[in-house]
Amino acid sequence: MNIQTPHSRNSDPESSHLAGDAITKSGKRQRQIDLVVGLVQGNPNKTSAELAKVSGYDRAMIARRLPDAEGIYLKRAKIRICTENKTMAQTWVMT
């Protein structure tokens, strides 16, 4: 897959751009996207924190990769109170 989402904002420091380039070029970003898509497929309507809880993976990594897969494999579902963080959060489902 050709990742179309930017890995960092224009206003981010140069180090963020360098790290984003490296993770994309190495293929690690795509592997993480594939992993997160599989998590959502097996656990639909969950937040990033809930996906992290059931999988044992880092919540921040999951939260970064969900938007990368949006529109291709995933779509946003309901916003509701997350059972892990007790805050309003986005849930995700397969497209």
PDB file of N, CA and C in Angstrom:
ATOM      1  N   MET A   1       0.845  -1.177   0.000  1.00  0.00           N
ATOM      2  CA  MET A   1       0.000   0.000   0.000  1.00  0.00           C
ATOM      3  C   MET A   1       0.886   1.235   0.000  1.00  0.00           C
ATOM      4  N   ASN A   2       0.487   2.252  -0.695  1.00  0.00           N
ATOM      5  CA  ASN A   2       1.175   3.527  -0.718  1.00  0.00           C
ATOM      6  C   ASN A   2       0.517   4.430   0.320  1.00  0.00           C
ATOM      7  N   ILE A   3       1.190   4.677   1.430  1.00  0.00           N
ATOM      8  CA  ILE A   3       0.631   5.473   2.520  1.00  0.00           C
ATOM      9  C   ILE A   3       0.487   6.912   2.054  1.00  0.00           C
ATOM     10  N   GLN A   4      -0.719   7.457   2.184  1.00  0.00           N
ATOM     11  CA  GLN A   4      -0.994   8.800   1.708  1.00  0.00           C
ATOM     12  C   GLN A   4      -1.051   9.847   2.816  1.00  0.00           C
ATOM     13  N   THR A   5      -1.146   9.409   4.058  1.00  0.00           N
ATOM     14  CA  THR A   5      -1.257  10.361   5.160  1.00  0.00           C
ATOM     15  C   THR A   5       0.123  10.872   5.555  1.00  0.00           C
ATOM     16  N   PRO A   6       0.218  12.153   5.910  1.00  0.00           N
ATOM     17  CA  PRO A   6       1.516  12.685   6.322  1.00  0.00           C
ATOM     18  C   PRO A   6       1.943  12.097   7.665  1.00  0.00           C
ATOM     19  N   HIS A   7       3.231  11.940   7.856  1.00  0.00           N
ATOM     20  CA  HIS A   7       3.715  11.375   9.110  1.00  0.00           C
ATOM     21  C   HIS A   7       3.953  12.442  10.165  1.00  0.00           C
ATOM     22  N   SER A   8       3.965  13.707   9.789  1.00  0.00           N
ATOM     23  CA  SER A   8       4.149  14.784  10.755  1.00  0.00           C
ATOM     24  C   SER A   8       3.562  16.072  10.187  1.00  0.00           C
ATOM     25  N   ARG A   9       3.335  17.011  11.075  1.00  0.00           N
ATOM     26  CA  ARG A   9       2.791  18.309  10.661  1.00  0.00           C
ATOM     27  C   ARG A   9       3.916  19.216  10.179  1.00  0.00           C
ATOM     28  N   ASN A  10       3.560  20.179   9.348  1.00  0.00           N
ATOM     29  CA  ASN A  10       4.562  21.134   8.872  1.00  0.00           C
ATOM     30  C   ASN A  10       5.211  21.889  10.025  1.00  0.00           C
ATOM     31  N   SER A  11       4.444  22.093  11.103  1.00  0.00           N
ATOM     32  CA  SER A  11       4.949  22.854  12.244  1.00  0.00           C
ATOM     33  C   SER A  11       5.775  22.006  13.219  1.00  0.00           C
ATOM     34  N   ASP A  12       5.859  20.686  12.990  1.00  0.00           N
ATOM     35  CA  ASP A  12       6.636  19.813  13.863  1.00  0.00           C
ATOM     36  C   ASP A  12       8.134  20.059  13.670  1.00  0.00           C
ATOM     37  N   PRO A  13       8.933  19.765  14.695  1.00  0.00           N
ATOM     38  CA  PRO A  13      10.393  19.945  14.557  1.00  0.00           C
ATOM     39  C   PRO A  13      10.982  19.001  13.518  1.00  0.00           C
ATOM     40  N   GLU A  14      12.142  19.350  13.048  1.00  0.00           N
ATOM     41  CA  GLU A  14      12.824  18.553  12.020  1.00  0.00           C
ATOM     42  C   GLU A  14      13.007  17.104  12.460  1.00  0.00           C
ATOM     43  N   SER A  15      13.240  16.892  13.753  1.00  0.00           N
ATOM     44  CA  SER A  15      13.431  15.529  14.247  1.00  0.00           C
ATOM     45  C   SER A  15      12.202  14.659  13.997  1.00  0.00           C
ATOM     46  N   SER A  16      11.015  15.249  14.078  1.00  0.00           N
ATOM     47  CA  SER A  16       9.779  14.496  13.795  1.00  0.00           C
ATOM     48  C   SER A  16       9.709  14.096  12.329  1.00  0.00           C
ATOM     49  N   HIS A  17      10.114  14.990  11.464  1.00  0.00           N
ATOM     50  CA  HIS A  17      10.110  14.687  10.029  1.00  0.00           C
ATOM     51  C   HIS A  17      11.122  13.587   9.693  1.00  0.00           C
ATOM     52  N   LEU A  18      12.286  13.667  10.306  1.00  0.00           N
ATOM     53  CA  LEU A  18      13.304  12.639  10.071  1.00  0.00           C
ATOM     54  C   LEU A  18      12.836  11.278  10.587  1.00  0.00           C
ATOM     55  N   ALA A  19      12.254  11.257  11.774  1.00  0.00           N
ATOM     56  CA  ALA A  19      11.754   9.996  12.335  1.00  0.00           C
ATOM     57  C   ALA A  19      10.620   9.438  11.483  1.00  0.00           C
ATOM     58  N   GLY A  20       9.733  10.313  11.014  1.00  0.00           N
ATOM     59  CA  GLY A  20       8.625   9.883  10.165  1.00  0.00           C
ATOM     60  C   GLY A  20       9.109   9.298   8.846  1.00  0.00           C
ATOM     61  N   ASP A  21      10.093   9.942   8.256  1.00  0.00           N
ATOM     62  CA  ASP A  21      10.682   9.411   7.019  1.00  0.00           C
ATOM     63  C   ASP A  21      11.285   8.030   7.256  1.00  0.00           C
ATOM     64  N   ALA A  22      11.995   7.891   8.365  1.00  0.00           N
ATOM     65  CA  ALA A  22      12.680   6.630   8.661  1.00  0.00           C
ATOM     66  C   ALA A  22      11.690   5.498   8.893  1.00  0.00           C
ATOM     67  N   ILE A  23      10.627   5.742   9.667  1.00  0.00           N
ATOM     68  CA  ILE A  23       9.665   4.679   9.961  1.00  0.00           C
ATOM     69  C   ILE A  23       8.883   4.281   8.713  1.00  0.00           C
ATOM     70  N   THR A  24       8.629   5.249   7.837  1.00  0.00           N
ATOM     71  CA  THR A  24       7.919   4.942   6.597  1.00  0.00           C
ATOM     72  C   THR A  24       8.815   4.160   5.641  1.00  0.00           C
ATOM     73  N   LYS A  25      10.038   4.625   5.438  1.00  0.00           N
ATOM     74  CA  LYS A  25      10.959   3.968   4.507  1.00  0.00           C
ATOM     75  C   LYS A  25      11.341   2.559   4.946  1.00  0.00           C
ATOM     76  N   SER A  26      11.410   2.340   6.243  1.00  0.00           N
ATOM     77  CA  SER A  26      11.800   1.019   6.752  1.00  0.00           C
ATOM     78  C   SER A  26      10.686  -0.021   6.604  1.00  0.00           C
ATOM     79  N   GLY A  27       9.454   0.442   6.397  1.00  0.00           N
ATOM     80  CA  GLY A  27       8.315  -0.467   6.314  1.00  0.00           C
ATOM     81  C   GLY A  27       7.630  -0.689   7.647  1.00  0.00           C
ATOM     82  N   LYS A  28       8.219  -0.172   8.717  1.00  0.00           N
ATOM     83  CA  LYS A  28       7.642  -0.371  10.052  1.00  0.00           C
ATOM     84  C   LYS A  28       6.264   0.281  10.164  1.00  0.00           C
ATOM     85  N   ARG A  29       6.101   1.451   9.566  1.00  0.00           N
ATOM     86  CA  ARG A  29       4.801   2.136   9.612  1.00  0.00           C
ATOM     87  C   ARG A  29       3.723   1.275   8.963  1.00  0.00           C
ATOM     88  N   GLN A  30       4.018   0.677   7.822  1.00  0.00           N
ATOM     89  CA  GLN A  30       3.042  -0.181   7.143  1.00  0.00           C
ATOM     90  C   GLN A  30       2.734  -1.424   7.972  1.00  0.00           C
ATOM     91  N   ARG A  31       3.750  -2.009   8.582  1.00  0.00           N
ATOM     92  CA  ARG A  31       3.511  -3.177   9.435  1.00  0.00           C
ATOM     93  C   ARG A  31       2.620  -2.824  10.617  1.00  0.00           C
ATOM     94  N   GLN A  32       2.828  -1.640  11.183  1.00  0.00           N
ATOM     95  CA  GLN A  32       1.983  -1.195  12.290  1.00  0.00           C
ATOM     96  C   GLN A  32       0.551  -0.944  11.821  1.00  0.00           C
ATOM     97  N   ILE A  33       0.380  -0.382  10.636  1.00  0.00           N
ATOM     98  CA  ILE A  33      -0.959  -0.181  10.078  1.00  0.00           C
ATOM     99  C   ILE A  33      -1.650  -1.523   9.921  1.00  0.00           C
ATOM    100  N   ASP A  34      -0.958  -2.497   9.354  1.00  0.00           N
ATOM    101  CA  ASP A  34      -1.529  -3.829   9.165  1.00  0.00           C
ATOM    102  C   ASP A  34      -1.945  -4.439  10.498  1.00  0.00           C
ATOM    103  N   LEU A  35      -1.104  -4.271  11.510  1.00  0.00           N
ATOM    104  CA  LEU A  35      -1.408  -4.802  12.835  1.00  0.00           C
ATOM    105  C   LEU A  35      -2.671  -4.149  13.405  1.00  0.00           C
ATOM    106  N   VAL A  36      -2.758  -2.833  13.297  1.00  0.00           N
ATOM    107  CA  VAL A  36      -3.906  -2.100  13.841  1.00  0.00           C
ATOM    108  C   VAL A  36      -5.188  -2.453  13.093  1.00  0.00           C
ATOM    109  N   VAL A  37      -5.105  -2.623  11.793  1.00  0.00           N
ATOM    110  CA  VAL A  37      -6.279  -3.044  11.018  1.00  0.00           C
ATOM    111  C   VAL A  37      -6.770  -4.401  11.515  1.00  0.00           C
ATOM    112  N   GLY A  38      -5.842  -5.316  11.757  1.00  0.00           N
ATOM    113  CA  GLY A  38      -6.209  -6.622  12.295  1.00  0.00           C
ATOM    114  C   GLY A  38      -6.853  -6.520  13.672  1.00  0.00           C
ATOM    115  N   LEU A  39      -6.348  -5.603  14.497  1.00  0.00           N
ATOM    116  CA  LEU A  39      -6.941  -5.399  15.820  1.00  0.00           C
ATOM    117  C   LEU A  39      -8.385  -4.918  15.709  1.00  0.00           C
ATOM    118  N   VAL A  40      -8.617  -3.957  14.816  1.00  0.00           N
ATOM    119  CA  VAL A  40      -9.978  -3.431  14.646  1.00  0.00           C
ATOM    120  C   VAL A  40     -10.887  -4.497  14.044  1.00  0.00           C
ATOM    121  N   GLN A  41     -10.361  -5.274  13.125  1.00  0.00           N
ATOM    122  CA  GLN A  41     -11.161  -6.339  12.520  1.00  0.00           C
ATOM    123  C   GLN A  41     -11.647  -7.316  13.589  1.00  0.00           C
ATOM    124  N   GLY A  42     -10.792  -7.650  14.519  1.00  0.00           N
ATOM    125  CA  GLY A  42     -11.156  -8.582  15.577  1.00  0.00           C
ATOM    126  C   GLY A  42     -11.846  -7.949  16.771  1.00  0.00           C
ATOM    127  N   ASN A  43     -11.786  -6.610  16.857  1.00  0.00           N
ATOM    128  CA  ASN A  43     -12.357  -5.882  17.993  1.00  0.00           C
ATOM    129  C   ASN A  43     -13.010  -4.588  17.518  1.00  0.00           C
ATOM    130  N   PRO A  44     -14.093  -4.680  16.743  1.00  0.00           N
ATOM    131  CA  PRO A  44     -14.709  -3.466  16.215  1.00  0.00           C
ATOM    132  C   PRO A  44     -15.325  -2.613  17.325  1.00  0.00           C
ATOM    133  N   ASN A  45     -15.482  -1.334  17.012  1.00  0.00           N
ATOM    134  CA  ASN A  45     -16.121  -0.370  17.910  1.00  0.00           C
ATOM    135  C   ASN A  45     -15.356  -0.176  19.209  1.00  0.00           C
ATOM    136  N   LYS A  46     -14.040  -0.221  19.120  1.00  0.00           N
ATOM    137  CA  LYS A  46     -13.182   0.020  20.279  1.00  0.00           C
ATOM    138  C   LYS A  46     -12.377   1.302  20.058  1.00  0.00           C
ATOM    139  N   THR A  47     -11.977   1.923  21.157  1.00  0.00           N
ATOM    140  CA  THR A  47     -11.109   3.094  21.117  1.00  0.00           C
ATOM    141  C   THR A  47      -9.655   2.631  21.059  1.00  0.00           C
ATOM    142  N   SER A  48      -8.743   3.557  20.829  1.00  0.00           N
ATOM    143  CA  SER A  48      -7.324   3.184  20.802  1.00  0.00           C
ATOM    144  C   SER A  48      -6.882   2.620  22.150  1.00  0.00           C
ATOM    145  N   ALA A  49      -7.362   3.183  23.240  1.00  0.00           N
ATOM    146  CA  ALA A  49      -6.989   2.678  24.569  1.00  0.00           C
ATOM    147  C   ALA A  49      -7.554   1.280  24.805  1.00  0.00           C
ATOM    148  N   GLU A  50      -8.760   1.033  24.353  1.00  0.00           N
ATOM    149  CA  GLU A  50      -9.359  -0.296  24.502  1.00  0.00           C
ATOM    150  C   GLU A  50      -8.631  -1.320  23.636  1.00  0.00           C
ATOM    151  N   LEU A  51      -8.236  -0.919  22.420  1.00  0.00           N
ATOM    152  CA  LEU A  51      -7.461  -1.807  21.562  1.00  0.00           C
ATOM    153  C   LEU A  51      -6.109  -2.116  22.199  1.00  0.00           C
ATOM    154  N   ALA A  52      -5.503  -1.127  22.819  1.00  0.00           N
ATOM    155  CA  ALA A  52      -4.230  -1.345  23.503  1.00  0.00           C
ATOM    156  C   ALA A  52      -4.403  -2.325  24.660  1.00  0.00           C
ATOM    157  N   LYS A  53      -5.472  -2.188  25.395  1.00  0.00           N
ATOM    158  CA  LYS A  53      -5.729  -3.071  26.537  1.00  0.00           C
ATOM    159  C   LYS A  53      -5.882  -4.525  26.089  1.00  0.00           C
ATOM    160  N   VAL A  54      -6.660  -4.767  25.037  1.00  0.00           N
ATOM    161  CA  VAL A  54      -6.894  -6.148  24.602  1.00  0.00           C
ATOM    162  C   VAL A  54      -5.684  -6.752  23.896  1.00  0.00           C
ATOM    163  N   SER A  55      -4.816  -5.902  23.339  1.00  0.00           N
ATOM    164  CA  SER A  55      -3.694  -6.412  22.551  1.00  0.00           C
ATOM    165  C   SER A  55      -2.359  -6.401  23.277  1.00  0.00           C
ATOM    166  N   GLY A  56      -2.214  -5.501  24.233  1.00  0.00           N
ATOM    167  CA  GLY A  56      -0.926  -5.345  24.895  1.00  0.00           C
ATOM    168  C   GLY A  56       0.038  -4.421  24.155  1.00  0.00           C
ATOM    169  N   TYR A  57      -0.388  -3.873  23.018  1.00  0.00           N
ATOM    170  CA  TYR A  57       0.450  -2.938  22.271  1.00  0.00           C
ATOM    171  C   TYR A  57       0.303  -1.525  22.835  1.00  0.00           C
ATOM    172  N   ASP A  58       1.243  -0.678  22.494  1.00  0.00           N
ATOM    173  CA  ASP A  58       1.282   0.701  22.957  1.00  0.00           C
ATOM    174  C   ASP A  58       0.108   1.512  22.409  1.00  0.00           C
ATOM    175  N   ARG A  59      -0.612   2.200  23.289  1.00  0.00           N
ATOM    176  CA  ARG A  59      -1.769   2.969  22.866  1.00  0.00           C
ATOM    177  C   ARG A  59      -1.384   4.090  21.901  1.00  0.00           C
ATOM    178  N   ALA A  60      -0.268   4.743  22.143  1.00  0.00           N
ATOM    179  CA  ALA A  60       0.132   5.849  21.268  1.00  0.00           C
ATOM    180  C   ALA A  60       0.391   5.362  19.842  1.00  0.00           C
ATOM    181  N   MET A  61       1.042   4.210  19.697  1.00  0.00           N
ATOM    182  CA  MET A  61       1.285   3.653  18.363  1.00  0.00           C
ATOM    183  C   MET A  61      -0.040   3.362  17.678  1.00  0.00           C
ATOM    184  N   ILE A  62      -0.962   2.743  18.409  1.00  0.00           N
ATOM    185  CA  ILE A  62      -2.269   2.417  17.840  1.00  0.00           C
ATOM    186  C   ILE A  62      -2.991   3.696  17.421  1.00  0.00           C
ATOM    187  N   ALA A  63      -2.979   4.693  18.291  1.00  0.00           N
ATOM    188  CA  ALA A  63      -3.672   5.958  17.995  1.00  0.00           C
ATOM    189  C   ALA A  63      -3.066   6.667  16.784  1.00  0.00           C
ATOM    190  N   ARG A  64      -1.770   6.519  16.564  1.00  0.00           N
ATOM    191  CA  ARG A  64      -1.133   7.135  15.393  1.00  0.00           C
ATOM    192  C   ARG A  64      -1.504   6.413  14.099  1.00  0.00           C
ATOM    193  N   ARG A  65      -1.630   5.118  14.159  1.00  0.00           N
ATOM    194  CA  ARG A  65      -1.857   4.328  12.945  1.00  0.00           C
ATOM    195  C   ARG A  65      -3.321   4.229  12.542  1.00  0.00           C
ATOM    196  N   LEU A  66      -4.257   4.422  13.456  1.00  0.00           N
ATOM    197  CA  LEU A  66      -5.675   4.371  13.077  1.00  0.00           C
ATOM    198  C   LEU A  66      -5.992   5.379  11.970  1.00  0.00           C
ATOM    199  N   PRO A  67      -5.615   6.647  12.099  1.00  0.00           N
ATOM    200  CA  PRO A  67      -5.893   7.589  11.000  1.00  0.00           C
ATOM    201  C   PRO A  67      -5.161   7.249   9.710  1.00  0.00           C
ATOM    202  N   ASP A  68      -3.992   6.599   9.813  1.00  0.00           N
ATOM    203  CA  ASP A  68      -3.271   6.182   8.598  1.00  0.00           C
ATOM    204  C   ASP A  68      -4.102   5.204   7.776  1.00  0.00           C
ATOM    205  N   ALA A  69      -4.889   4.376   8.449  1.00  0.00           N
ATOM    206  CA  ALA A  69      -5.701   3.355   7.762  1.00  0.00           C
ATOM    207  C   ALA A  69      -7.104   3.852   7.434  1.00  0.00           C
ATOM    208  N   GLU A  70      -7.443   5.047   7.886  1.00  0.00           N
ATOM    209  CA  GLU A  70      -8.790   5.586   7.660  1.00  0.00           C
ATOM    210  C   GLU A  70      -9.055   5.792   6.173  1.00  0.00           C
ATOM    211  N   GLY A  71     -10.214   5.347   5.746  1.00  0.00           N
ATOM    212  CA  GLY A  71     -10.628   5.503   4.361  1.00  0.00           C
ATOM    213  C   GLY A  71     -10.207   4.349   3.480  1.00  0.00           C
ATOM    214  N   ILE A  72      -9.144   3.673   3.833  1.00  0.00           N
ATOM    215  CA  ILE A  72      -8.668   2.531   3.064  1.00  0.00           C
ATOM    216  C   ILE A  72      -9.248   1.253   3.651  1.00  0.00           C
ATOM    217  N   TYR A  73      -8.989   1.062   4.950  1.00  0.00           N
ATOM    218  CA  TYR A  73      -9.463  -0.138   5.639  1.00  0.00           C
ATOM    219  C   TYR A  73     -10.454   0.173   6.747  1.00  0.00           C
ATOM    220  N   LEU A  74     -10.286   1.322   7.384  1.00  0.00           N
ATOM    221  CA  LEU A  74     -11.059   1.661   8.574  1.00  0.00           C
ATOM    222  C   LEU A  74     -11.880   2.922   8.369  1.00  0.00           C
ATOM    223  N   LYS A  75     -12.899   3.053   9.206  1.00  0.00           N
ATOM    224  CA  LYS A  75     -13.647   4.306   9.258  1.00  0.00           C
ATOM    225  C   LYS A  75     -13.983   4.594  10.709  1.00  0.00           C
ATOM    226  N   ARG A  76     -14.211   5.866  10.958  1.00  0.00           N
ATOM    227  CA  ARG A  76     -14.583   6.288  12.300  1.00  0.00           C
ATOM    228  C   ARG A  76     -16.018   5.840  12.585  1.00  0.00           C
ATOM    229  N   ALA A  77     -16.226   5.397  13.815  1.00  0.00           N
ATOM    230  CA  ALA A  77     -17.572   4.991  14.244  1.00  0.00           C
ATOM    231  C   ALA A  77     -18.027   5.981  15.311  1.00  0.00           C
ATOM    232  N   LYS A  78     -18.717   5.488  16.323  1.00  0.00           N
ATOM    233  CA  LYS A  78     -19.257   6.372  17.357  1.00  0.00           C
ATOM    234  C   LYS A  78     -18.160   6.976  18.227  1.00  0.00           C
ATOM    235  N   ILE A  79     -18.455   8.145  18.746  1.00  0.00           N
ATOM    236  CA  ILE A  79     -17.662   8.730  19.818  1.00  0.00           C
ATOM    237  C   ILE A  79     -18.426   8.416  21.101  1.00  0.00           C
ATOM    238  N   ARG A  80     -17.737   7.835  22.060  1.00  0.00           N
ATOM    239  CA  ARG A  80     -18.384   7.442  23.315  1.00  0.00           C
ATOM    240  C   ARG A  80     -17.362   7.481  24.434  1.00  0.00           C
ATOM    241  N   ILE A  81     -17.801   7.228  25.643  1.00  0.00           N
ATOM    242  CA  ILE A  81     -16.888   7.192  26.771  1.00  0.00           C
ATOM    243  C   ILE A  81     -16.065   5.905  26.698  1.00  0.00           C
ATOM    244  N   CYS A  82     -14.766   6.068  26.704  1.00  0.00           N
ATOM    245  CA  CYS A  82     -13.831   4.940  26.654  1.00  0.00           C
ATOM    246  C   CYS A  82     -13.854   4.219  28.000  1.00  0.00           C
ATOM    247  N   THR A  83     -13.927   2.899  27.966  1.00  0.00           N
ATOM    248  CA  THR A  83     -13.959   2.118  29.200  1.00  0.00           C
ATOM    249  C   THR A  83     -12.619   2.136  29.929  1.00  0.00           C
ATOM    250  N   GLU A  84     -11.542   2.465  29.236  1.00  0.00           N
ATOM    251  CA  GLU A  84     -10.213   2.507  29.853  1.00  0.00           C
ATOM    252  C   GLU A  84      -9.897   3.872  30.445  1.00  0.00           C
ATOM    253  N   ASN A  85     -10.113   4.933  29.665  1.00  0.00           N
ATOM    254  CA  ASN A  85      -9.731   6.285  30.091  1.00  0.00           C
ATOM    255  C   ASN A  85     -10.859   7.076  30.727  1.00  0.00           C
ATOM    256  N   LYS A  86     -12.082   6.599  30.566  1.00  0.00           N
ATOM    257  CA  LYS A  86     -13.267   7.283  31.116  1.00  0.00           C
ATOM    258  C   LYS A  86     -13.432   8.686  30.536  1.00  0.00           C
ATOM    259  N   THR A  87     -13.003   8.863  29.285  1.00  0.00           N
ATOM    260  CA  THR A  87     -13.162  10.119  28.564  1.00  0.00           C
ATOM    261  C   THR A  87     -13.840   9.824  27.224  1.00  0.00           C
ATOM    262  N   MET A  88     -14.363  10.862  26.591  1.00  0.00           N
ATOM    263  CA  MET A  88     -14.958  10.694  25.273  1.00  0.00           C
ATOM    264  C   MET A  88     -13.853  10.351  24.274  1.00  0.00           C
ATOM    265  N   ALA A  89     -14.102   9.341  23.450  1.00  0.00           N
ATOM    266  CA  ALA A  89     -13.074   8.905  22.502  1.00  0.00           C
ATOM    267  C   ALA A  89     -13.716   8.323  21.251  1.00  0.00           C
ATOM    268  N   GLN A  90     -12.958   8.353  20.183  1.00  0.00           N
ATOM    269  CA  GLN A  90     -13.370   7.838  18.885  1.00  0.00           C
ATOM    270  C   GLN A  90     -13.270   6.319  18.866  1.00  0.00           C
ATOM    271  N   THR A  91     -14.276   5.665  18.291  1.00  0.00           N
ATOM    272  CA  THR A  91     -14.195   4.219  18.052  1.00  0.00           C
ATOM    273  C   THR A  91     -14.006   3.997  16.564  1.00  0.00           C
ATOM    274  N   TRP A  92     -13.580   2.784  16.191  1.00  0.00           N
ATOM    275  CA  TRP A  92     -13.208   2.470  14.816  1.00  0.00           C
ATOM    276  C   TRP A  92     -13.815   1.155  14.376  1.00  0.00           C
ATOM    277  N   VAL A  93     -14.176   1.067  13.087  1.00  0.00           N
ATOM    278  CA  VAL A  93     -14.697  -0.152  12.474  1.00  0.00           C
ATOM    279  C   VAL A  93     -14.072  -0.305  11.094  1.00  0.00           C
ATOM    280  N   MET A  94     -14.228  -1.479  10.515  1.00  0.00           N
ATOM    281  CA  MET A  94     -13.757  -1.733   9.153  1.00  0.00           C
ATOM    282  C   MET A  94     -14.662  -0.979   8.166  1.00  0.00           C
ATOM    283  N   THR A  95     -14.092  -0.595   7.016  1.00  0.00           N
ATOM    284  CA  THR A  95     -14.900   0.100   6.002  1.00  0.00           C
ATOM    285  C   THR A  95     -15.823  -0.882   5.315  1.00  0.00           C
TER     286      THR A  95
END
